[in-house]
Amino acid sequence: MSLVPVSCPTRRAACPIVAAGLGTVPKVKSAVVICMVTVGVTSAVAGCGAGDSTASKTPGPMAPSVSAPAPAGAPAPSGPVAAPAVEADPCDVNLAAPEIAGAVSELPRDPRSNQAWSPEPLAGNYNQCAQLSVVIVKANTNAENPNTRAVMFHLGKFIPTGVPDTYGFNGIDNAVTTGDTVALRYSNGISGLDSVVRFRWNGNGVELIGNTG
């Protein structure tokens, strides 16, 4: 509500005040006081209006924008990543196959030293695909020249009987060894005097087929 002051004719006379929308306010004893109040109220209202207008036009401080945190991904692996294990080819030569140690454990003792045989081959071409494969082992002794022998396998399985005498052989001649034939070498340490004997799988067993040197 705004108050509009009017002139006061006498100090004692009532000072009518026109109130917007309400008409003239009844007699007031002190025109001076009323007029001063009116002026003060009017100024205050004007001041508030100006302040309100300024406040409405001035934007308040804006809250700082907060970015949403990025979703946590899977933890990075620490250290080198292990490569997947590759399955061994059964047709590859494998002188660490457990079938070799199993076969050697079944052999009778070395007749010369009466010792068992070492399960670690000196040479060989053992694999599970060949009709005939072989390993060379030595007697488990500390003698300077331990006895040696060949141990034969058919498709990776030990052939315990029906094999010609294989004592004394200490190597393999890979140049004349095939899928069904092995060439065993005997060397006495003198160059040019090596002997090579071939053995073949004939479908039922092992047979000696002759010397090559």
C-alpha atoms as a PDB file:
ATOM      1  CA  MET A   1       0.000   0.000   0.000  1.00  0.00           C
ATOM      2  CA  SER A   2       1.477   3.452  -0.964  1.00  0.00           C
ATOM      3  CA  LEU A   3       0.712   6.651   1.001  1.00  0.00           C
ATOM      4  CA  VAL A   4       0.455   9.996  -0.761  1.00  0.00           C
ATOM      5  CA  PRO A   5       0.847  13.100   1.452  1.00  0.00           C
ATOM      6  CA  VAL A   6      -1.276  16.284   0.880  1.00  0.00           C
ATOM      7  CA  SER A   7      -0.746  19.840   2.085  1.00  0.00           C
ATOM      8  CA  CYS A   8      -1.619  20.658   5.680  1.00  0.00           C
ATOM      9  CA  PRO A   9      -3.418  24.103   5.982  1.00  0.00           C
ATOM     10  CA  THR A  10      -2.743  24.703   9.700  1.00  0.00           C
ATOM     11  CA  ARG A  11      -0.537  23.250  12.367  1.00  0.00           C
ATOM     12  CA  ARG A  12      -3.596  22.262  14.415  1.00  0.00           C
ATOM     13  CA  ALA A  13      -5.762  21.163  11.575  1.00  0.00           C
ATOM     14  CA  ALA A  14      -6.124  17.598  10.656  1.00  0.00           C
ATOM     15  CA  CYS A  15      -3.823  16.518   7.905  1.00  0.00           C
ATOM     16  CA  PRO A  16      -5.840  14.306   5.710  1.00  0.00           C
ATOM     17  CA  ILE A  17      -3.814  11.572   4.048  1.00  0.00           C
ATOM     18  CA  VAL A  18      -4.988   9.923   0.941  1.00  0.00           C
ATOM     19  CA  ALA A  19      -4.374   6.218   0.953  1.00  0.00           C
ATOM     20  CA  ALA A  20      -4.381   4.632  -2.435  1.00  0.00           C
ATOM     21  CA  GLY A  21      -7.513   2.534  -2.760  1.00  0.00           C
ATOM     22  CA  LEU A  22      -8.817   3.563   0.737  1.00  0.00           C
ATOM     23  CA  GLY A  23      -9.773   7.248   0.366  1.00  0.00           C
ATOM     24  CA  THR A  24      -8.894   9.940   2.903  1.00  0.00           C
ATOM     25  CA  VAL A  25      -7.605   8.848   6.301  1.00  0.00           C
ATOM     26  CA  PRO A  26      -9.633  10.514   9.189  1.00  0.00           C
ATOM     27  CA  LYS A  27      -8.283  13.433  11.247  1.00  0.00           C
ATOM     28  CA  VAL A  28      -4.776  13.159  12.573  1.00  0.00           C
ATOM     29  CA  LYS A  29      -3.730  15.632  15.334  1.00  0.00           C
ATOM     30  CA  SER A  30      -0.176  16.266  14.313  1.00  0.00           C
ATOM     31  CA  ALA A  31       0.128  17.001  10.647  1.00  0.00           C
ATOM     32  CA  VAL A  32       3.842  17.485  10.917  1.00  0.00           C
ATOM     33  CA  VAL A  33       4.373  14.101  12.462  1.00  0.00           C
ATOM     34  CA  ILE A  34       2.092  12.408   9.996  1.00  0.00           C
ATOM     35  CA  CYS A  35       3.673  14.168   7.070  1.00  0.00           C
ATOM     36  CA  MET A  36       7.156  13.155   8.258  1.00  0.00           C
ATOM     37  CA  VAL A  37       6.004   9.610   8.767  1.00  0.00           C
ATOM     38  CA  THR A  38       4.458   9.653   5.347  1.00  0.00           C
ATOM     39  CA  VAL A  39       7.621  10.942   3.736  1.00  0.00           C
ATOM     40  CA  GLY A  40       9.707   8.385   5.634  1.00  0.00           C
ATOM     41  CA  VAL A  41       7.437   5.540   4.680  1.00  0.00           C
ATOM     42  CA  THR A  42       7.378   6.659   1.087  1.00  0.00           C
ATOM     43  CA  SER A  43      11.191   6.860   0.982  1.00  0.00           C
ATOM     44  CA  ALA A  44      11.521   3.505   2.632  1.00  0.00           C
ATOM     45  CA  VAL A  45       9.127   1.929   0.183  1.00  0.00           C
ATOM     46  CA  ALA A  46      10.968   3.507  -2.701  1.00  0.00           C
ATOM     47  CA  GLY A  47      14.309   2.352  -1.315  1.00  0.00           C
ATOM     48  CA  CYS A  48      13.057  -1.180  -0.856  1.00  0.00           C
ATOM     49  CA  GLY A  49      11.656  -1.190  -4.349  1.00  0.00           C
ATOM     50  CA  ALA A  50      14.944  -0.091  -5.772  1.00  0.00           C
ATOM     51  CA  GLY A  51      16.806  -2.661  -3.728  1.00  0.00           C
ATOM     52  CA  ASP A  52      14.438  -5.401  -4.766  1.00  0.00           C
ATOM     53  CA  SER A  53      14.796  -4.412  -8.394  1.00  0.00           C
ATOM     54  CA  THR A  54      18.576  -4.473  -8.156  1.00  0.00           C
ATOM     55  CA  ALA A  55      18.602  -7.808  -6.361  1.00  0.00           C
ATOM     56  CA  SER A  56      16.303  -9.345  -8.917  1.00  0.00           C
ATOM     57  CA  LYS A  57      18.562  -8.271 -11.759  1.00  0.00           C
ATOM     58  CA  THR A  58      21.860  -9.371 -10.183  1.00  0.00           C
ATOM     59  CA  PRO A  59      22.510 -13.101 -10.508  1.00  0.00           C
ATOM     60  CA  GLY A  60      23.680 -14.827  -7.351  1.00  0.00           C
ATOM     61  CA  PRO A  61      26.905 -16.820  -7.169  1.00  0.00           C
ATOM     62  CA  MET A  62      26.753 -20.000  -9.207  1.00  0.00           C
ATOM     63  CA  ALA A  63      27.617 -23.315  -7.618  1.00  0.00           C
ATOM     64  CA  PRO A  64      30.701 -24.903  -9.171  1.00  0.00           C
ATOM     65  CA  SER A  65      29.900 -27.727 -11.561  1.00  0.00           C
ATOM     66  CA  VAL A  66      30.902 -31.162 -10.328  1.00  0.00           C
ATOM     67  CA  SER A  67      31.750 -33.782 -12.920  1.00  0.00           C
ATOM     68  CA  ALA A  68      30.534 -37.284 -12.284  1.00  0.00           C
ATOM     69  CA  PRO A  69      33.438 -39.618 -11.526  1.00  0.00           C
ATOM     70  CA  ALA A  70      34.379 -41.946 -14.360  1.00  0.00           C
ATOM     71  CA  PRO A  71      33.267 -45.528 -13.802  1.00  0.00           C
ATOM     72  CA  ALA A  72      36.018 -47.697 -12.434  1.00  0.00           C
ATOM     73  CA  GLY A  73      37.253 -50.150 -15.010  1.00  0.00           C
ATOM     74  CA  ALA A  74      38.690 -53.603 -14.501  1.00  0.00           C
ATOM     75  CA  PRO A  75      41.996 -53.523 -12.596  1.00  0.00           C
ATOM     76  CA  ALA A  76      45.011 -53.672 -14.846  1.00  0.00           C
ATOM     77  CA  PRO A  77      46.948 -56.946 -14.564  1.00  0.00           C
ATOM     78  CA  SER A  78      50.208 -56.626 -12.696  1.00  0.00           C
ATOM     79  CA  GLY A  79      53.331 -58.260 -13.993  1.00  0.00           C
ATOM     80  CA  PRO A  80      53.747 -60.222 -17.233  1.00  0.00           C
ATOM     81  CA  VAL A  81      50.768 -62.151 -18.542  1.00  0.00           C
ATOM     82  CA  ALA A  82      51.415 -65.849 -18.775  1.00  0.00           C
ATOM     83  CA  ALA A  83      51.064 -67.316 -22.240  1.00  0.00           C
ATOM     84  CA  PRO A  84      48.528 -70.112 -22.660  1.00  0.00           C
ATOM     85  CA  ALA A  85      50.019 -73.588 -22.362  1.00  0.00           C
ATOM     86  CA  VAL A  86      50.643 -75.319 -25.687  1.00  0.00           C
ATOM     87  CA  GLU A  87      49.751 -79.000 -25.791  1.00  0.00           C
ATOM     88  CA  ALA A  88      52.713 -81.153 -26.771  1.00  0.00           C
ATOM     89  CA  ASP A  89      52.572 -82.979 -30.104  1.00  0.00           C
ATOM     90  CA  PRO A  90      52.636 -86.736 -29.345  1.00  0.00           C
ATOM     91  CA  CYS A  91      54.593 -87.270 -32.565  1.00  0.00           C
ATOM     92  CA  ASP A  92      57.477 -85.111 -31.382  1.00  0.00           C
ATOM     93  CA  VAL A  93      60.530 -86.795 -29.879  1.00  0.00           C
ATOM     94  CA  ASN A  94      60.166 -86.681 -26.096  1.00  0.00           C
ATOM     95  CA  LEU A  95      62.978 -88.152 -24.035  1.00  0.00           C
ATOM     96  CA  ALA A  96      61.308 -86.955 -20.804  1.00  0.00           C
ATOM     97  CA  ALA A  97      58.138 -89.005 -21.320  1.00  0.00           C
ATOM     98  CA  PRO A  98      57.052 -90.883 -18.178  1.00  0.00           C
ATOM     99  CA  GLU A  99      56.705 -94.083 -20.242  1.00  0.00           C
ATOM    100  CA  ILE A 100      60.506 -94.208 -20.505  1.00  0.00           C
ATOM    101  CA  ALA A 101      61.082 -94.203 -16.751  1.00  0.00           C
ATOM    102  CA  GLY A 102      58.319 -96.788 -16.369  1.00  0.00           C
ATOM    103  CA  ALA A 103      59.924 -99.090 -18.937  1.00  0.00           C
ATOM    104  CA  VAL A 104      63.412 -98.733 -17.455  1.00  0.00           C
ATOM    105  CA  SER A 105      62.097 -99.694 -14.025  1.00  0.00           C
ATOM    106  CA  GLU A 106      60.948-103.044 -15.476  1.00  0.00           C
ATOM    107  CA  LEU A 107      64.327-103.990 -16.980  1.00  0.00           C
ATOM    108  CA  PRO A 108      66.416-106.711 -15.357  1.00  0.00           C
ATOM    109  CA  ARG A 109      69.592-105.450 -13.706  1.00  0.00           C
ATOM    110  CA  ASP A 110      72.737-104.866 -15.692  1.00  0.00           C
ATOM    111  CA  PRO A 111      74.455-108.279 -15.871  1.00  0.00           C
ATOM    112  CA  ARG A 112      77.929-106.736 -15.658  1.00  0.00           C
ATOM    113  CA  SER A 113      77.535-104.448 -12.630  1.00  0.00           C
ATOM    114  CA  ASN A 114      74.363-105.916 -11.164  1.00  0.00           C
ATOM    115  CA  GLN A 115      73.006-102.364 -10.948  1.00  0.00           C
ATOM    116  CA  ALA A 116      69.677-100.984 -12.128  1.00  0.00           C
ATOM    117  CA  TRP A 117      69.468 -98.752 -15.203  1.00  0.00           C
ATOM    118  CA  SER A 118      69.350 -94.968 -15.209  1.00  0.00           C
ATOM    119  CA  PRO A 119      65.969 -93.602 -16.389  1.00  0.00           C
ATOM    120  CA  GLU A 120      67.687 -90.639 -18.118  1.00  0.00           C
ATOM    121  CA  PRO A 121      68.329 -91.561 -21.773  1.00  0.00           C
ATOM    122  CA  LEU A 122      71.736 -90.969 -23.359  1.00  0.00           C
ATOM    123  CA  ALA A 123      70.077 -90.775 -26.791  1.00  0.00           C
ATOM    124  CA  GLY A 124      66.839 -91.772 -28.470  1.00  0.00           C
ATOM    125  CA  ASN A 125      63.887 -90.910 -30.694  1.00  0.00           C
ATOM    126  CA  TYR A 126      60.975 -91.945 -28.456  1.00  0.00           C
ATOM    127  CA  ASN A 127      57.555 -90.735 -29.615  1.00  0.00           C
ATOM    128  CA  GLN A 128      54.019 -92.059 -29.544  1.00  0.00           C
ATOM    129  CA  CYS A 129      53.448 -92.131 -33.310  1.00  0.00           C
ATOM    130  CA  ALA A 130      56.328 -94.283 -34.577  1.00  0.00           C
ATOM    131  CA  GLN A 131      55.831 -97.991 -35.172  1.00  0.00           C
ATOM    132  CA  LEU A 132      59.247 -98.444 -33.607  1.00  0.00           C
ATOM    133  CA  SER A 133      61.217 -95.990 -31.474  1.00  0.00           C
ATOM    134  CA  VAL A 134      64.082 -96.436 -29.034  1.00  0.00           C
ATOM    135  CA  VAL A 135      66.106 -94.920 -26.190  1.00  0.00           C
ATOM    136  CA  ILE A 136      69.644 -95.712 -25.034  1.00  0.00           C
ATOM    137  CA  VAL A 137      70.212 -96.002 -21.270  1.00  0.00           C
ATOM    138  CA  LYS A 138      73.234 -96.822 -19.125  1.00  0.00           C
ATOM    139  CA  ALA A 139      73.737 -98.806 -15.949  1.00  0.00           C
ATOM    140  CA  ASN A 140      73.317 -96.698 -12.841  1.00  0.00           C
ATOM    141  CA  THR A 141      76.931 -96.989 -11.737  1.00  0.00           C
ATOM    142  CA  ASN A 142      79.955 -94.769 -11.285  1.00  0.00           C
ATOM    143  CA  ALA A 143      82.162 -97.006 -13.391  1.00  0.00           C
ATOM    144  CA  GLU A 144      84.265 -95.279 -16.038  1.00  0.00           C
ATOM    145  CA  ASN A 145      82.591 -97.156 -18.904  1.00  0.00           C
ATOM    146  CA  PRO A 146      79.153 -98.279 -17.704  1.00  0.00           C
ATOM    147  CA  ASN A 147      77.245-100.841 -19.723  1.00  0.00           C
ATOM    148  CA  THR A 148      74.580 -99.504 -22.117  1.00  0.00           C
ATOM    149  CA  ARG A 149      71.537-100.966 -23.858  1.00  0.00           C
ATOM    150  CA  ALA A 150      68.588 -99.993 -26.060  1.00  0.00           C
ATOM    151  CA  VAL A 151      64.945 -99.999 -24.901  1.00  0.00           C
ATOM    152  CA  MET A 152      62.340-100.253 -27.671  1.00  0.00           C
ATOM    153  CA  PHE A 153      58.745 -99.009 -27.972  1.00  0.00           C
ATOM    154  CA  HIS A 154      55.839 -99.591 -30.354  1.00  0.00           C
ATOM    155  CA  LEU A 155      53.499 -96.579 -30.665  1.00  0.00           C
ATOM    156  CA  GLY A 156      54.951 -95.298 -27.402  1.00  0.00           C
ATOM    157  CA  LYS A 157      54.403 -98.575 -25.505  1.00  0.00           C
ATOM    158  CA  PHE A 158      57.298-100.541 -24.043  1.00  0.00           C
ATOM    159  CA  ILE A 159      58.151-103.834 -25.800  1.00  0.00           C
ATOM    160  CA  PRO A 160      59.255-106.049 -22.903  1.00  0.00           C
ATOM    161  CA  THR A 161      59.887-109.323 -24.789  1.00  0.00           C
ATOM    162  CA  GLY A 162      60.702-110.643 -28.238  1.00  0.00           C
ATOM    163  CA  VAL A 163      63.470-108.103 -28.818  1.00  0.00           C
ATOM    164  CA  PRO A 164      66.964-109.162 -30.004  1.00  0.00           C
ATOM    165  CA  ASP A 165      69.885-108.445 -27.713  1.00  0.00           C
ATOM    166  CA  THR A 166      70.547-104.707 -27.595  1.00  0.00           C
ATOM    167  CA  TYR A 167      73.372-104.521 -25.036  1.00  0.00           C
ATOM    168  CA  GLY A 168      76.365-102.366 -25.902  1.00  0.00           C
ATOM    169  CA  PHE A 169      74.654 -99.921 -28.276  1.00  0.00           C
ATOM    170  CA  ASN A 170      75.303 -96.314 -27.270  1.00  0.00           C
ATOM    171  CA  GLY A 171      73.784 -94.171 -30.005  1.00  0.00           C
ATOM    172  CA  ILE A 172      71.347 -93.857 -32.933  1.00  0.00           C
ATOM    173  CA  ASP A 173      72.047 -93.225 -36.597  1.00  0.00           C
ATOM    174  CA  ASN A 174      69.246 -90.849 -37.544  1.00  0.00           C
ATOM    175  CA  ALA A 175      70.246 -90.881 -41.226  1.00  0.00           C
ATOM    176  CA  VAL A 176      68.855 -94.412 -41.709  1.00  0.00           C
ATOM    177  CA  THR A 177      66.192 -94.424 -38.993  1.00  0.00           C
ATOM    178  CA  THR A 178      62.556 -94.309 -40.220  1.00  0.00           C
ATOM    179  CA  GLY A 179      59.069 -94.612 -38.750  1.00  0.00           C
ATOM    180  CA  ASP A 180      59.266 -98.427 -38.460  1.00  0.00           C
ATOM    181  CA  THR A 181      63.053 -98.899 -38.396  1.00  0.00           C
ATOM    182  CA  VAL A 182      65.735 -97.808 -35.939  1.00  0.00           C
ATOM    183  CA  ALA A 183      69.462 -97.871 -36.612  1.00  0.00           C
ATOM    184  CA  LEU A 184      71.481 -98.438 -33.444  1.00  0.00           C
ATOM    185  CA  ARG A 185      75.120 -97.391 -33.317  1.00  0.00           C
ATOM    186  CA  TYR A 186      77.962 -99.002 -31.410  1.00  0.00           C
ATOM    187  CA  SER A 187      81.046 -96.845 -31.009  1.00  0.00           C
ATOM    188  CA  ASN A 188      84.232 -97.851 -29.225  1.00  0.00           C
ATOM    189  CA  GLY A 189      85.690 -94.369 -29.488  1.00  0.00           C
ATOM    190  CA  ILE A 190      87.836 -95.130 -32.531  1.00  0.00           C
ATOM    191  CA  SER A 191      86.896 -93.002 -35.553  1.00  0.00           C
ATOM    192  CA  GLY A 192      85.720 -95.005 -38.560  1.00  0.00           C
ATOM    193  CA  LEU A 193      85.095 -98.190 -36.612  1.00  0.00           C
ATOM    194  CA  ASP A 194      81.461 -97.543 -35.584  1.00  0.00           C
ATOM    195  CA  SER A 195      78.986-100.351 -36.185  1.00  0.00           C
ATOM    196  CA  VAL A 196      75.318 -99.683 -37.049  1.00  0.00           C
ATOM    197  CA  VAL A 197      72.619-102.345 -36.768  1.00  0.00           C
ATOM    198  CA  ARG A 198      69.030-101.854 -37.960  1.00  0.00           C
ATOM    199  CA  PHE A 199      65.900-103.187 -36.279  1.00  0.00           C
ATOM    200  CA  ARG A 200      62.424-103.075 -37.812  1.00  0.00           C
ATOM    201  CA  TRP A 201      58.852-103.497 -36.605  1.00  0.00           C
ATOM    202  CA  ASN A 202      57.352-106.222 -38.813  1.00  0.00           C
ATOM    203  CA  GLY A 203      53.752-105.859 -37.639  1.00  0.00           C
ATOM    204  CA  ASN A 204      54.050-108.396 -34.843  1.00  0.00           C
ATOM    205  CA  GLY A 205      57.402-107.739 -33.256  1.00  0.00           C
ATOM    206  CA  VAL A 206      60.952-106.496 -33.695  1.00  0.00           C
ATOM    207  CA  GLU A 207      63.381-108.168 -36.044  1.00  0.00           C
ATOM    208  CA  LEU A 208      67.034-107.531 -36.865  1.00  0.00           C
ATOM    209  CA  ILE A 209      67.435-106.729 -40.557  1.00  0.00           C
ATOM    210  CA  GLY A 210      71.227-106.293 -40.920  1.00  0.00           C
ATOM    211  CA  ASN A 211      74.268-104.176 -40.400  1.00  0.00           C
ATOM    212  CA  THR A 212      74.983-100.979 -42.272  1.00  0.00           C
ATOM    213  CA  GLY A 213      78.595-100.475 -41.327  1.00  0.00           C
END
